Amino acid sequence: MIDGKRNKIRVFLVDDHPIVREGVRSYLTGHSIAMVGEASDAKEALRKVKKLAPDVIVLDVNLPGLDGGELARLLRRLVPKTKLLAFSIHSSEAYVVRMARCGVQGYVMKDQPTAELLNAIKHVSQGGLHFPANMAGALLAPAPKSSPDKPDRVALSVRELEVLTSLAEGLSNKCVAAKLGISVRTVETHREHLSHKLDILTVAGLTKYAIQHGLTSLR
């Protein structure tokens, strides 16, 4: 499929870290992939991809402004023929399931060899799916219905998941802000959103939710 210039897989990369984009671009172009464009955030990506119509979009799960899940939903409508591949530092089942439900065809962790990203790009470009094998059951399971004891995790954004897991690990609002590079007020806003979405008002309740959904190693 990738023999000859015209038959190269056309890839667009969305990641807010220049060093990541440079490394991925260098590797993929050295392995017969055509890098047709890149963006550092959702706004730039949405502006560019409609015109470029790439075969595969590789998108970071954590993006400034609009997270990767919401961007995936928008891209599904904007370029429905393009395949989407999530690229993330997060290996938690919750992140993988959420991105799958947002419309991506694959999920690759950034700590895996770069060859895994190349294989995933080839696989999804041919109509296949490329998700962690140990999460097949979770991906095939129907979306859970909300309940007081186990609210629907799919409603949470990536940033909300980060705040939730940090709070569950015992960090204060100030420490969460420093860890994520956001303001204390932004952390407080995310806590308010979490309380509203999950109907959980206490840190103890949020911690219990995180444990139930495998978002923390705490027991």
N, C-alpha and C. Protein backbone atom coordinates (compact mmCIF):
# COMPACT_ATOMS: atom_id res chain seq x y z
N MET A 1 0.81 -1.21 0.00
CA MET A 1 0.00 0.00 0.00
C MET A 1 0.85 1.26 0.00
N ILE A 2 2.06 1.21 0.57
CA ILE A 2 2.86 2.41 0.69
C ILE A 2 3.98 2.46 -0.34
N ASP A 3 3.97 1.58 -1.36
CA ASP A 3 4.97 1.63 -2.42
C ASP A 3 4.60 2.72 -3.40
N GLY A 4 5.58 3.59 -3.70
CA GLY A 4 5.30 4.65 -4.66
C GLY A 4 4.78 5.89 -3.97
N LYS A 5 5.19 7.04 -4.47
CA LYS A 5 4.86 8.29 -3.82
C LYS A 5 3.36 8.52 -3.69
N ARG A 6 2.61 8.22 -4.72
CA ARG A 6 1.18 8.50 -4.72
C ARG A 6 0.40 7.60 -3.77
N ASN A 7 0.98 6.48 -3.39
CA ASN A 7 0.27 5.53 -2.54
C ASN A 7 0.68 5.59 -1.08
N LYS A 8 1.50 6.56 -0.73
CA LYS A 8 1.89 6.69 0.68
C LYS A 8 0.68 7.08 1.52
N ILE A 9 0.65 6.59 2.75
CA ILE A 9 -0.41 6.97 3.69
C ILE A 9 -0.17 8.43 4.09
N ARG A 10 -1.21 9.24 3.98
CA ARG A 10 -1.12 10.67 4.27
C ARG A 10 -1.57 10.92 5.71
N VAL A 11 -0.64 11.40 6.52
CA VAL A 11 -0.88 11.54 7.96
C VAL A 11 -0.81 13.00 8.39
N PHE A 12 -1.73 13.36 9.29
CA PHE A 12 -1.74 14.69 9.91
C PHE A 12 -1.56 14.48 11.41
N LEU A 13 -0.66 15.24 12.03
CA LEU A 13 -0.32 15.06 13.44
C LEU A 13 -0.78 16.24 14.28
N VAL A 14 -1.47 15.95 15.38
CA VAL A 14 -1.91 16.99 16.32
C VAL A 14 -1.29 16.72 17.68
N ASP A 15 -0.36 17.59 18.10
CA ASP A 15 0.29 17.45 19.40
C ASP A 15 0.83 18.81 19.80
N ASP A 16 0.68 19.18 21.07
CA ASP A 16 1.10 20.51 21.49
C ASP A 16 2.57 20.59 21.88
N HIS A 17 3.30 19.49 21.77
CA HIS A 17 4.73 19.50 22.10
C HIS A 17 5.58 19.43 20.82
N PRO A 18 6.31 20.51 20.49
CA PRO A 18 7.12 20.54 19.26
C PRO A 18 8.11 19.39 19.16
N ILE A 19 8.71 18.99 20.28
CA ILE A 19 9.70 17.92 20.24
C ILE A 19 9.07 16.58 19.89
N VAL A 20 7.81 16.38 20.33
CA VAL A 20 7.09 15.16 19.98
C VAL A 20 6.76 15.17 18.49
N ARG A 21 6.27 16.30 18.00
CA ARG A 21 5.93 16.39 16.57
C ARG A 21 7.17 16.16 15.70
N GLU A 22 8.29 16.75 16.12
CA GLU A 22 9.53 16.59 15.36
C GLU A 22 9.98 15.14 15.32
N GLY A 23 9.92 14.48 16.48
CA GLY A 23 10.35 13.09 16.54
C GLY A 23 9.46 12.16 15.73
N VAL A 24 8.15 12.35 15.84
CA VAL A 24 7.20 11.52 15.10
C VAL A 24 7.34 11.77 13.60
N ARG A 25 7.44 13.04 13.24
CA ARG A 25 7.58 13.40 11.82
C ARG A 25 8.83 12.76 11.22
N SER A 26 9.95 12.86 11.93
CA SER A 26 11.21 12.31 11.44
C SER A 26 11.13 10.81 11.25
N TYR A 27 10.52 10.12 12.22
CA TYR A 27 10.42 8.66 12.13
C TYR A 27 9.50 8.23 11.00
N LEU A 28 8.33 8.83 10.94
CA LEU A 28 7.34 8.39 9.95
C LEU A 28 7.77 8.69 8.52
N THR A 29 8.35 9.87 8.30
CA THR A 29 8.80 10.19 6.93
C THR A 29 9.95 9.28 6.50
N GLY A 30 10.67 8.75 7.48
CA GLY A 30 11.74 7.81 7.16
C GLY A 30 11.21 6.41 6.91
N HIS A 31 9.91 6.22 7.09
CA HIS A 31 9.29 4.91 6.88
C HIS A 31 8.11 5.00 5.90
N SER A 32 8.32 5.79 4.86
CA SER A 32 7.38 5.86 3.73
C SER A 32 5.98 6.36 4.09
N ILE A 33 5.91 7.24 5.07
CA ILE A 33 4.65 7.90 5.40
C ILE A 33 4.72 9.35 4.94
N ALA A 34 3.66 9.84 4.34
CA ALA A 34 3.63 11.23 3.89
C ALA A 34 3.00 12.10 4.98
N MET A 35 3.80 12.94 5.62
CA MET A 35 3.31 13.86 6.64
C MET A 35 2.77 15.10 5.94
N VAL A 36 1.47 15.22 5.85
CA VAL A 36 0.87 16.30 5.06
C VAL A 36 0.62 17.56 5.88
N GLY A 37 0.76 17.48 7.20
CA GLY A 37 0.53 18.66 8.03
C GLY A 37 0.55 18.32 9.50
N GLU A 38 0.57 19.36 10.32
CA GLU A 38 0.54 19.17 11.76
C GLU A 38 -0.05 20.41 12.43
N ALA A 39 -0.48 20.23 13.67
CA ALA A 39 -1.09 21.32 14.43
C ALA A 39 -0.74 21.15 15.90
N SER A 40 -0.73 22.27 16.62
CA SER A 40 -0.40 22.23 18.04
C SER A 40 -1.63 22.28 18.94
N ASP A 41 -2.80 22.55 18.34
CA ASP A 41 -4.03 22.56 19.13
C ASP A 41 -5.24 22.25 18.24
N ALA A 42 -6.40 22.14 18.86
CA ALA A 42 -7.61 21.75 18.13
C ALA A 42 -8.01 22.78 17.09
N LYS A 43 -7.93 24.05 17.45
CA LYS A 43 -8.34 25.11 16.53
C LYS A 43 -7.54 25.07 15.23
N GLU A 44 -6.23 24.91 15.36
CA GLU A 44 -5.36 24.84 14.19
C GLU A 44 -5.65 23.58 13.38
N ALA A 45 -5.89 22.48 14.09
CA ALA A 45 -6.18 21.22 13.40
C ALA A 45 -7.45 21.31 12.57
N LEU A 46 -8.51 21.85 13.17
CA LEU A 46 -9.79 21.96 12.46
C LEU A 46 -9.68 22.87 11.25
N ARG A 47 -8.84 23.88 11.35
CA ARG A 47 -8.66 24.81 10.23
C ARG A 47 -7.94 24.15 9.05
N LYS A 48 -7.02 23.24 9.36
CA LYS A 48 -6.17 22.67 8.31
C LYS A 48 -6.69 21.37 7.69
N VAL A 49 -7.29 20.49 8.50
CA VAL A 49 -7.55 19.14 8.01
C VAL A 49 -8.63 19.05 6.93
N LYS A 50 -9.60 19.95 6.96
CA LYS A 50 -10.66 19.87 5.95
C LYS A 50 -10.09 20.02 4.55
N LYS A 51 -9.15 20.92 4.39
CA LYS A 51 -8.52 21.14 3.09
C LYS A 51 -7.57 20.00 2.72
N LEU A 52 -6.84 19.50 3.71
CA LEU A 52 -5.84 18.47 3.44
C LEU A 52 -6.43 17.07 3.29
N ALA A 53 -7.53 16.79 3.98
CA ALA A 53 -8.20 15.48 3.93
C ALA A 53 -7.20 14.33 4.04
N PRO A 54 -6.48 14.23 5.16
CA PRO A 54 -5.49 13.14 5.31
C PRO A 54 -6.16 11.78 5.45
N ASP A 55 -5.37 10.73 5.26
CA ASP A 55 -5.88 9.37 5.45
C ASP A 55 -6.04 9.06 6.94
N VAL A 56 -5.07 9.54 7.73
CA VAL A 56 -5.06 9.26 9.17
C VAL A 56 -4.68 10.54 9.93
N ILE A 57 -5.39 10.81 11.01
CA ILE A 57 -5.02 11.90 11.91
C ILE A 57 -4.56 11.27 13.22
N VAL A 58 -3.33 11.56 13.61
CA VAL A 58 -2.79 11.12 14.89
C VAL A 58 -2.96 12.28 15.86
N LEU A 59 -3.77 12.10 16.92
CA LEU A 59 -4.03 13.22 17.81
C LEU A 59 -3.73 12.89 19.26
N ASP A 60 -3.07 13.83 19.90
CA ASP A 60 -2.78 13.72 21.33
C ASP A 60 -4.09 13.77 22.11
N VAL A 61 -4.17 13.04 23.19
CA VAL A 61 -5.37 13.05 24.02
C VAL A 61 -5.45 14.33 24.85
N ASN A 62 -4.28 14.84 25.27
CA ASN A 62 -4.22 16.06 26.08
C ASN A 62 -3.84 17.25 25.21
N LEU A 63 -4.79 18.12 24.94
CA LEU A 63 -4.53 19.30 24.11
C LEU A 63 -5.02 20.54 24.84
N PRO A 64 -4.37 21.68 24.61
CA PRO A 64 -4.84 22.92 25.24
C PRO A 64 -6.17 23.37 24.64
N GLY A 65 -7.02 23.92 25.45
CA GLY A 65 -8.30 24.43 24.96
C GLY A 65 -9.36 23.36 24.86
N LEU A 66 -9.25 22.53 23.86
CA LEU A 66 -10.22 21.46 23.61
C LEU A 66 -9.50 20.13 23.67
N ASP A 67 -9.95 19.22 24.54
CA ASP A 67 -9.21 17.97 24.68
C ASP A 67 -9.41 17.05 23.48
N GLY A 68 -8.55 16.02 23.40
CA GLY A 68 -8.54 15.13 22.25
C GLY A 68 -9.85 14.42 21.98
N GLY A 69 -10.59 14.10 23.03
CA GLY A 69 -11.88 13.41 22.84
C GLY A 69 -12.88 14.28 22.12
N GLU A 70 -13.02 15.53 22.58
CA GLU A 70 -13.95 16.44 21.92
C GLU A 70 -13.49 16.77 20.52
N LEU A 71 -12.18 16.89 20.32
CA LEU A 71 -11.66 17.13 18.97
C LEU A 71 -11.99 15.95 18.06
N ALA A 72 -11.88 14.73 18.57
CA ALA A 72 -12.20 13.55 17.78
C ALA A 72 -13.65 13.59 17.31
N ARG A 73 -14.56 13.99 18.18
CA ARG A 73 -15.98 14.09 17.81
C ARG A 73 -16.18 15.09 16.66
N LEU A 74 -15.50 16.22 16.74
CA LEU A 74 -15.61 17.25 15.70
C LEU A 74 -15.01 16.75 14.39
N LEU A 75 -13.89 16.07 14.47
CA LEU A 75 -13.23 15.56 13.27
C LEU A 75 -14.06 14.49 12.58
N ARG A 76 -14.77 13.68 13.37
CA ARG A 76 -15.62 12.65 12.77
C ARG A 76 -16.65 13.28 11.83
N ARG A 77 -17.14 14.47 12.21
CA ARG A 77 -18.13 15.16 11.38
C ARG A 77 -17.47 15.93 10.23
N LEU A 78 -16.30 16.50 10.51
CA LEU A 78 -15.63 17.35 9.52
C LEU A 78 -15.00 16.54 8.39
N VAL A 79 -14.31 15.45 8.75
CA VAL A 79 -13.65 14.61 7.73
C VAL A 79 -14.02 13.15 8.01
N PRO A 80 -15.24 12.75 7.72
CA PRO A 80 -15.73 11.42 8.10
C PRO A 80 -14.96 10.25 7.49
N LYS A 81 -14.27 10.46 6.38
CA LYS A 81 -13.53 9.37 5.74
C LYS A 81 -12.14 9.19 6.34
N THR A 82 -11.69 10.15 7.12
CA THR A 82 -10.36 10.09 7.72
C THR A 82 -10.38 9.22 8.97
N LYS A 83 -9.35 8.39 9.14
CA LYS A 83 -9.23 7.55 10.32
C LYS A 83 -8.54 8.33 11.44
N LEU A 84 -8.96 8.09 12.68
CA LEU A 84 -8.42 8.80 13.83
C LEU A 84 -7.66 7.85 14.75
N LEU A 85 -6.49 8.28 15.17
CA LEU A 85 -5.64 7.46 16.02
C LEU A 85 -5.19 8.28 17.23
N ALA A 86 -5.62 7.89 18.43
CA ALA A 86 -5.24 8.59 19.65
C ALA A 86 -3.80 8.25 20.03
N PHE A 87 -3.08 9.26 20.52
CA PHE A 87 -1.67 9.12 20.87
C PHE A 87 -1.51 9.73 22.25
N SER A 88 -1.18 8.93 23.27
CA SER A 88 -1.32 9.43 24.64
C SER A 88 -0.29 8.87 25.60
N ILE A 89 -0.06 9.64 26.67
CA ILE A 89 0.79 9.15 27.77
C ILE A 89 -0.01 8.29 28.72
N HIS A 90 -1.34 8.31 28.59
CA HIS A 90 -2.21 7.61 29.53
C HIS A 90 -2.51 6.18 29.09
N SER A 91 -2.34 5.23 30.00
CA SER A 91 -2.61 3.83 29.69
C SER A 91 -3.86 3.32 30.39
N SER A 92 -4.53 4.18 31.14
CA SER A 92 -5.72 3.77 31.89
C SER A 92 -6.85 3.37 30.95
N GLU A 93 -7.58 2.34 31.35
CA GLU A 93 -8.72 1.86 30.58
C GLU A 93 -9.74 2.98 30.33
N ALA A 94 -9.92 3.85 31.31
CA ALA A 94 -10.91 4.92 31.19
C ALA A 94 -10.59 5.83 30.01
N TYR A 95 -9.31 6.16 29.82
CA TYR A 95 -8.92 7.02 28.71
C TYR A 95 -9.14 6.32 27.37
N VAL A 96 -8.75 5.06 27.30
CA VAL A 96 -8.88 4.31 26.04
C VAL A 96 -10.35 4.17 25.65
N VAL A 97 -11.19 3.80 26.63
CA VAL A 97 -12.61 3.62 26.35
C VAL A 97 -13.25 4.94 25.93
N ARG A 98 -12.90 6.01 26.63
CA ARG A 98 -13.49 7.31 26.28
C ARG A 98 -13.13 7.71 24.86
N MET A 99 -11.86 7.57 24.49
CA MET A 99 -11.45 7.96 23.13
C MET A 99 -12.13 7.08 22.08
N ALA A 100 -12.28 5.79 22.38
CA ALA A 100 -12.98 4.90 21.44
C ALA A 100 -14.41 5.36 21.23
N ARG A 101 -15.07 5.77 22.33
CA ARG A 101 -16.45 6.22 22.22
C ARG A 101 -16.57 7.60 21.59
N CYS A 102 -15.44 8.30 21.52
CA CYS A 102 -15.42 9.60 20.83
C CYS A 102 -15.14 9.44 19.34
N GLY A 103 -14.86 8.20 18.91
CA GLY A 103 -14.76 7.94 17.48
C GLY A 103 -13.42 7.58 16.91
N VAL A 104 -12.39 7.38 17.75
CA VAL A 104 -11.09 7.00 17.19
C VAL A 104 -11.07 5.51 16.83
N GLN A 105 -10.22 5.17 15.88
CA GLN A 105 -10.09 3.77 15.46
C GLN A 105 -8.92 3.06 16.11
N GLY A 106 -8.12 3.80 16.87
CA GLY A 106 -6.98 3.18 17.52
C GLY A 106 -6.43 4.04 18.63
N TYR A 107 -5.59 3.44 19.47
CA TYR A 107 -5.03 4.13 20.63
C TYR A 107 -3.62 3.59 20.87
N VAL A 108 -2.64 4.48 20.83
CA VAL A 108 -1.24 4.09 21.04
C VAL A 108 -0.66 4.90 22.18
N MET A 109 0.03 4.24 23.11
CA MET A 109 0.67 4.94 24.21
C MET A 109 2.03 5.48 23.76
N LYS A 110 2.38 6.66 24.27
CA LYS A 110 3.62 7.31 23.87
C LYS A 110 4.87 6.62 24.40
N ASP A 111 4.72 5.78 25.41
CA ASP A 111 5.89 5.08 25.94
C ASP A 111 6.19 3.79 25.19
N GLN A 112 5.38 3.49 24.17
CA GLN A 112 5.66 2.30 23.35
C GLN A 112 6.67 2.66 22.26
N PRO A 113 7.33 1.66 21.68
CA PRO A 113 8.26 1.94 20.58
C PRO A 113 7.54 2.66 19.43
N THR A 114 8.26 3.54 18.76
CA THR A 114 7.65 4.32 17.67
C THR A 114 7.12 3.40 16.57
N ALA A 115 7.72 2.23 16.45
CA ALA A 115 7.26 1.27 15.44
C ALA A 115 5.80 0.88 15.68
N GLU A 116 5.34 0.92 16.93
CA GLU A 116 3.96 0.59 17.25
C GLU A 116 3.02 1.64 16.65
N LEU A 117 3.42 2.91 16.68
CA LEU A 117 2.63 3.97 16.07
C LEU A 117 2.55 3.76 14.56
N LEU A 118 3.65 3.40 13.96
CA LEU A 118 3.68 3.14 12.51
C LEU A 118 2.74 1.98 12.17
N ASN A 119 2.80 0.90 12.93
CA ASN A 119 1.93 -0.25 12.68
C ASN A 119 0.46 0.13 12.83
N ALA A 120 0.18 0.95 13.84
CA ALA A 120 -1.20 1.38 14.08
C ALA A 120 -1.71 2.23 12.92
N ILE A 121 -0.88 3.12 12.42
CA ILE A 121 -1.26 3.97 11.29
C ILE A 121 -1.60 3.11 10.07
N LYS A 122 -0.77 2.15 9.79
CA LYS A 122 -1.00 1.26 8.65
C LYS A 122 -2.30 0.47 8.84
N HIS A 123 -2.51 -0.01 10.06
CA HIS A 123 -3.68 -0.84 10.34
C HIS A 123 -4.98 -0.06 10.20
N VAL A 124 -5.06 1.10 10.84
CA VAL A 124 -6.31 1.87 10.78
C VAL A 124 -6.55 2.44 9.39
N SER A 125 -5.48 2.75 8.65
CA SER A 125 -5.66 3.28 7.30
C SER A 125 -6.31 2.26 6.37
N GLN A 126 -6.16 0.98 6.72
CA GLN A 126 -6.75 -0.10 5.92
C GLN A 126 -8.11 -0.52 6.45
N GLY A 127 -8.64 0.24 7.40
CA GLY A 127 -9.97 -0.05 7.92
C GLY A 127 -10.00 -0.88 9.18
N GLY A 128 -8.84 -1.16 9.76
CA GLY A 128 -8.80 -1.96 10.97
C GLY A 128 -8.87 -1.12 12.23
N LEU A 129 -8.88 -1.80 13.37
CA LEU A 129 -8.86 -1.14 14.67
C LEU A 129 -7.57 -1.52 15.38
N HIS A 130 -7.04 -0.58 16.17
CA HIS A 130 -5.77 -0.85 16.84
C HIS A 130 -5.84 -0.33 18.28
N PHE A 131 -6.32 -1.19 19.18
CA PHE A 131 -6.44 -0.84 20.59
C PHE A 131 -5.66 -1.86 21.43
N PRO A 132 -5.30 -1.48 22.67
CA PRO A 132 -4.61 -2.45 23.54
C PRO A 132 -5.41 -3.74 23.67
N ALA A 133 -4.73 -4.86 23.45
CA ALA A 133 -5.41 -6.16 23.44
C ALA A 133 -6.08 -6.49 24.76
N ASN A 134 -5.50 -6.02 25.87
CA ASN A 134 -6.06 -6.37 27.18
C ASN A 134 -7.30 -5.56 27.54
N MET A 135 -7.73 -4.68 26.64
CA MET A 135 -8.91 -3.86 26.92
C MET A 135 -10.08 -4.18 25.99
N ALA A 136 -9.99 -5.30 25.30
CA ALA A 136 -11.04 -5.67 24.34
C ALA A 136 -12.40 -5.76 25.01
N GLY A 137 -12.45 -6.36 26.21
CA GLY A 137 -13.73 -6.51 26.90
C GLY A 137 -14.36 -5.18 27.24
N ALA A 138 -13.57 -4.25 27.73
CA ALA A 138 -14.08 -2.93 28.09
C ALA A 138 -14.56 -2.17 26.87
N LEU A 139 -13.85 -2.32 25.76
CA LEU A 139 -14.22 -1.61 24.53
C LEU A 139 -15.51 -2.15 23.92
N LEU A 140 -15.74 -3.45 24.09
CA LEU A 140 -16.94 -4.07 23.52
C LEU A 140 -18.15 -3.91 24.41
N ALA A 141 -17.92 -3.60 25.67
CA ALA A 141 -19.04 -3.47 26.61
C ALA A 141 -19.88 -2.24 26.29
N PRO A 142 -21.20 -2.31 26.47
CA PRO A 142 -22.05 -1.13 26.24
C PRO A 142 -21.73 -0.05 27.26
N ALA A 143 -21.98 1.19 26.89
CA ALA A 143 -21.74 2.30 27.81
C ALA A 143 -22.59 2.11 29.06
N PRO A 144 -21.99 2.21 30.23
CA PRO A 144 -22.75 1.99 31.47
C PRO A 144 -23.73 3.12 31.73
N LYS A 145 -24.84 2.77 32.36
CA LYS A 145 -25.81 3.79 32.74
C LYS A 145 -25.39 4.39 34.07
N SER A 146 -25.71 5.65 34.23
CA SER A 146 -25.34 6.34 35.47
C SER A 146 -26.11 5.78 36.65
N SER A 147 -25.46 5.78 37.81
CA SER A 147 -26.11 5.37 39.05
C SER A 147 -25.44 6.12 40.19
N PRO A 148 -26.09 6.21 41.35
CA PRO A 148 -25.48 6.94 42.46
C PRO A 148 -24.13 6.37 42.87
N ASP A 149 -23.98 5.02 42.79
CA ASP A 149 -22.74 4.41 43.23
C ASP A 149 -21.66 4.42 42.16
N LYS A 150 -22.08 4.41 40.90
CA LYS A 150 -21.11 4.28 39.82
C LYS A 150 -21.54 5.13 38.64
N PRO A 151 -21.37 6.44 38.71
CA PRO A 151 -21.80 7.33 37.64
C PRO A 151 -21.06 7.07 36.34
N ASP A 152 -21.61 7.57 35.26
CA ASP A 152 -21.07 7.33 33.92
C ASP A 152 -19.77 8.08 33.71
N ARG A 153 -18.66 7.33 33.61
CA ARG A 153 -17.36 7.96 33.45
C ARG A 153 -17.17 8.58 32.08
N VAL A 154 -17.93 8.18 31.10
CA VAL A 154 -17.75 8.67 29.73
C VAL A 154 -18.01 10.17 29.64
N ALA A 155 -18.75 10.71 30.57
CA ALA A 155 -19.09 12.13 30.54
C ALA A 155 -17.91 13.02 30.88
N LEU A 156 -16.83 12.47 31.39
CA LEU A 156 -15.70 13.27 31.84
C LEU A 156 -14.72 13.57 30.72
N SER A 157 -14.21 14.80 30.72
CA SER A 157 -13.17 15.18 29.76
C SER A 157 -11.83 14.67 30.25
N VAL A 158 -10.82 14.71 29.40
CA VAL A 158 -9.49 14.27 29.79
C VAL A 158 -8.96 15.11 30.95
N ARG A 159 -9.14 16.42 30.90
CA ARG A 159 -8.66 17.28 31.98
C ARG A 159 -9.38 16.96 33.30
N GLU A 160 -10.68 16.71 33.21
CA GLU A 160 -11.42 16.35 34.41
C GLU A 160 -10.92 15.04 34.99
N LEU A 161 -10.57 14.09 34.13
CA LEU A 161 -10.01 12.83 34.59
C LEU A 161 -8.68 13.06 35.30
N GLU A 162 -7.87 13.96 34.76
CA GLU A 162 -6.57 14.27 35.38
C GLU A 162 -6.77 14.88 36.77
N VAL A 163 -7.69 15.83 36.87
CA VAL A 163 -7.98 16.46 38.16
C VAL A 163 -8.52 15.41 39.14
N LEU A 164 -9.42 14.58 38.64
CA LEU A 164 -10.01 13.55 39.50
C LEU A 164 -8.96 12.61 40.05
N THR A 165 -8.09 12.10 39.20
CA THR A 165 -7.07 11.14 39.66
C THR A 165 -6.09 11.81 40.62
N SER A 166 -5.76 13.07 40.36
CA SER A 166 -4.85 13.79 41.24
C SER A 166 -5.46 14.00 42.63
N LEU A 167 -6.74 14.37 42.66
CA LEU A 167 -7.42 14.54 43.94
C LEU A 167 -7.52 13.21 44.68
N ALA A 168 -7.78 12.14 43.93
CA ALA A 168 -7.90 10.82 44.54
C ALA A 168 -6.58 10.36 45.15
N GLU A 169 -5.47 10.88 44.61
CA GLU A 169 -4.15 10.53 45.15
C GLU A 169 -3.78 11.38 46.35
N GLY A 170 -4.72 12.25 46.78
CA GLY A 170 -4.50 13.02 48.00
C GLY A 170 -3.90 14.39 47.81
N LEU A 171 -3.77 14.86 46.56
CA LEU A 171 -3.18 16.17 46.32
C LEU A 171 -4.18 17.29 46.62
N SER A 172 -3.69 18.40 47.12
CA SER A 172 -4.52 19.57 47.36
C SER A 172 -4.78 20.29 46.04
N ASN A 173 -5.71 21.23 46.05
CA ASN A 173 -5.98 22.01 44.84
C ASN A 173 -4.71 22.69 44.33
N LYS A 174 -3.93 23.23 45.24
CA LYS A 174 -2.70 23.92 44.87
C LYS A 174 -1.70 22.96 44.22
N CYS A 175 -1.58 21.77 44.79
CA CYS A 175 -0.64 20.77 44.23
C CYS A 175 -1.12 20.25 42.88
N VAL A 176 -2.43 20.08 42.74
CA VAL A 176 -2.99 19.65 41.45
C VAL A 176 -2.70 20.71 40.39
N ALA A 177 -2.87 21.98 40.75
CA ALA A 177 -2.62 23.07 39.82
C ALA A 177 -1.16 23.06 39.36
N ALA A 178 -0.24 22.87 40.30
CA ALA A 178 1.18 22.84 39.95
C ALA A 178 1.51 21.63 39.08
N LYS A 179 0.92 20.50 39.40
CA LYS A 179 1.18 19.27 38.64
C LYS A 179 0.70 19.38 37.20
N LEU A 180 -0.46 19.99 37.00
CA LEU A 180 -1.07 20.05 35.66
C LEU A 180 -0.74 21.34 34.91
N GLY A 181 -0.09 22.29 35.59
CA GLY A 181 0.27 23.53 34.94
C GLY A 181 -0.92 24.44 34.69
N ILE A 182 -1.88 24.43 35.62
CA ILE A 182 -3.07 25.27 35.50
C ILE A 182 -3.23 26.05 36.79
N SER A 183 -4.16 26.99 36.80
CA SER A 183 -4.37 27.81 38.00
C SER A 183 -5.20 27.05 39.04
N VAL A 184 -5.09 27.51 40.29
CA VAL A 184 -5.89 26.91 41.36
C VAL A 184 -7.37 27.12 41.07
N ARG A 185 -7.71 28.29 40.54
CA ARG A 185 -9.12 28.55 40.21
C ARG A 185 -9.64 27.57 39.15
N THR A 186 -8.79 27.24 38.19
CA THR A 186 -9.20 26.27 37.15
C THR A 186 -9.43 24.90 37.77
N VAL A 187 -8.58 24.51 38.72
CA VAL A 187 -8.77 23.24 39.43
C VAL A 187 -10.11 23.26 40.16
N GLU A 188 -10.41 24.36 40.81
CA GLU A 188 -11.67 24.48 41.54
C GLU A 188 -12.86 24.37 40.60
N THR A 189 -12.72 24.97 39.41
CA THR A 189 -13.79 24.89 38.41
C THR A 189 -14.00 23.45 37.96
N HIS A 190 -12.89 22.74 37.73
CA HIS A 190 -13.00 21.33 37.32
C HIS A 190 -13.64 20.50 38.44
N ARG A 191 -13.32 20.81 39.69
CA ARG A 191 -13.93 20.09 40.82
C ARG A 191 -15.44 20.33 40.85
N GLU A 192 -15.84 21.56 40.56
CA GLU A 192 -17.26 21.88 40.51
C GLU A 192 -17.95 21.08 39.41
N HIS A 193 -17.30 21.00 38.25
CA HIS A 193 -17.86 20.24 37.13
C HIS A 193 -17.97 18.76 37.49
N LEU A 194 -16.92 18.24 38.14
CA LEU A 194 -16.94 16.83 38.54
C LEU A 194 -18.08 16.55 39.51
N SER A 195 -18.25 17.43 40.48
CA SER A 195 -19.32 17.26 41.45
C SER A 195 -20.68 17.27 40.79
N HIS A 196 -20.84 18.15 39.80
CA HIS A 196 -22.11 18.26 39.09
C HIS A 196 -22.37 17.04 38.21
N LYS A 197 -21.35 16.63 37.45
CA LYS A 197 -21.53 15.51 36.52
C LYS A 197 -21.73 14.18 37.24
N LEU A 198 -20.98 13.99 38.31
CA LEU A 198 -21.00 12.69 39.00
C LEU A 198 -21.93 12.67 40.20
N ASP A 199 -22.42 13.83 40.57
CA ASP A 199 -23.26 13.95 41.77
C ASP A 199 -22.52 13.43 43.00
N ILE A 200 -21.24 13.81 43.07
CA ILE A 200 -20.39 13.44 44.20
C ILE A 200 -19.81 14.72 44.77
N LEU A 201 -20.06 14.98 46.05
CA LEU A 201 -19.70 16.28 46.61
C LEU A 201 -18.42 16.27 47.43
N THR A 202 -17.90 15.11 47.77
CA THR A 202 -16.73 15.04 48.64
C THR A 202 -15.53 14.43 47.93
N VAL A 203 -14.33 14.76 48.43
CA VAL A 203 -13.11 14.16 47.90
C VAL A 203 -13.11 12.66 48.14
N ALA A 204 -13.65 12.24 49.28
CA ALA A 204 -13.73 10.79 49.58
C ALA A 204 -14.58 10.09 48.53
N GLY A 205 -15.69 10.72 48.15
CA GLY A 205 -16.55 10.14 47.12
C GLY A 205 -15.87 10.09 45.77
N LEU A 206 -15.13 11.14 45.44
CA LEU A 206 -14.39 11.16 44.17
C LEU A 206 -13.30 10.10 44.16
N THR A 207 -12.67 9.92 45.31
CA THR A 207 -11.63 8.88 45.43
C THR A 207 -12.24 7.49 45.22
N LYS A 208 -13.39 7.25 45.81
CA LYS A 208 -14.08 5.97 45.64
C LYS A 208 -14.42 5.73 44.17
N TYR A 209 -14.89 6.77 43.50
CA TYR A 209 -15.21 6.66 42.07
C TYR A 209 -13.96 6.30 41.27
N ALA A 210 -12.84 6.99 41.57
CA ALA A 210 -11.59 6.73 40.85
C ALA A 210 -11.14 5.30 41.04
N ILE A 211 -11.28 4.77 42.26
CA ILE A 211 -10.88 3.39 42.54
C ILE A 211 -11.78 2.41 41.78
N GLN A 212 -13.09 2.68 41.77
CA GLN A 212 -14.05 1.79 41.10
C GLN A 212 -13.76 1.68 39.61
N HIS A 213 -13.26 2.75 39.01
CA HIS A 213 -13.05 2.75 37.57
C HIS A 213 -11.59 2.57 37.18
N GLY A 214 -10.75 2.16 38.12
CA GLY A 214 -9.37 1.85 37.79
C GLY A 214 -8.53 3.05 37.43
N LEU A 215 -8.88 4.23 37.93
CA LEU A 215 -8.15 5.44 37.59
C LEU A 215 -6.99 5.71 38.55
N THR A 216 -6.88 4.93 39.61
CA THR A 216 -5.81 5.08 40.58
C THR A 216 -5.44 3.71 41.12
N SER A 217 -4.22 3.59 41.58
CA SER A 217 -3.76 2.31 42.15
C SER A 217 -4.13 2.18 43.61
N LEU A 218 -4.75 3.23 44.18
CA LEU A 218 -5.18 3.17 45.57
C LEU A 218 -6.22 2.08 45.78
N ARG A 219 -6.27 1.53 46.96
CA ARG A 219 -7.27 0.49 47.29
C ARG A 219 -7.91 0.84 48.62
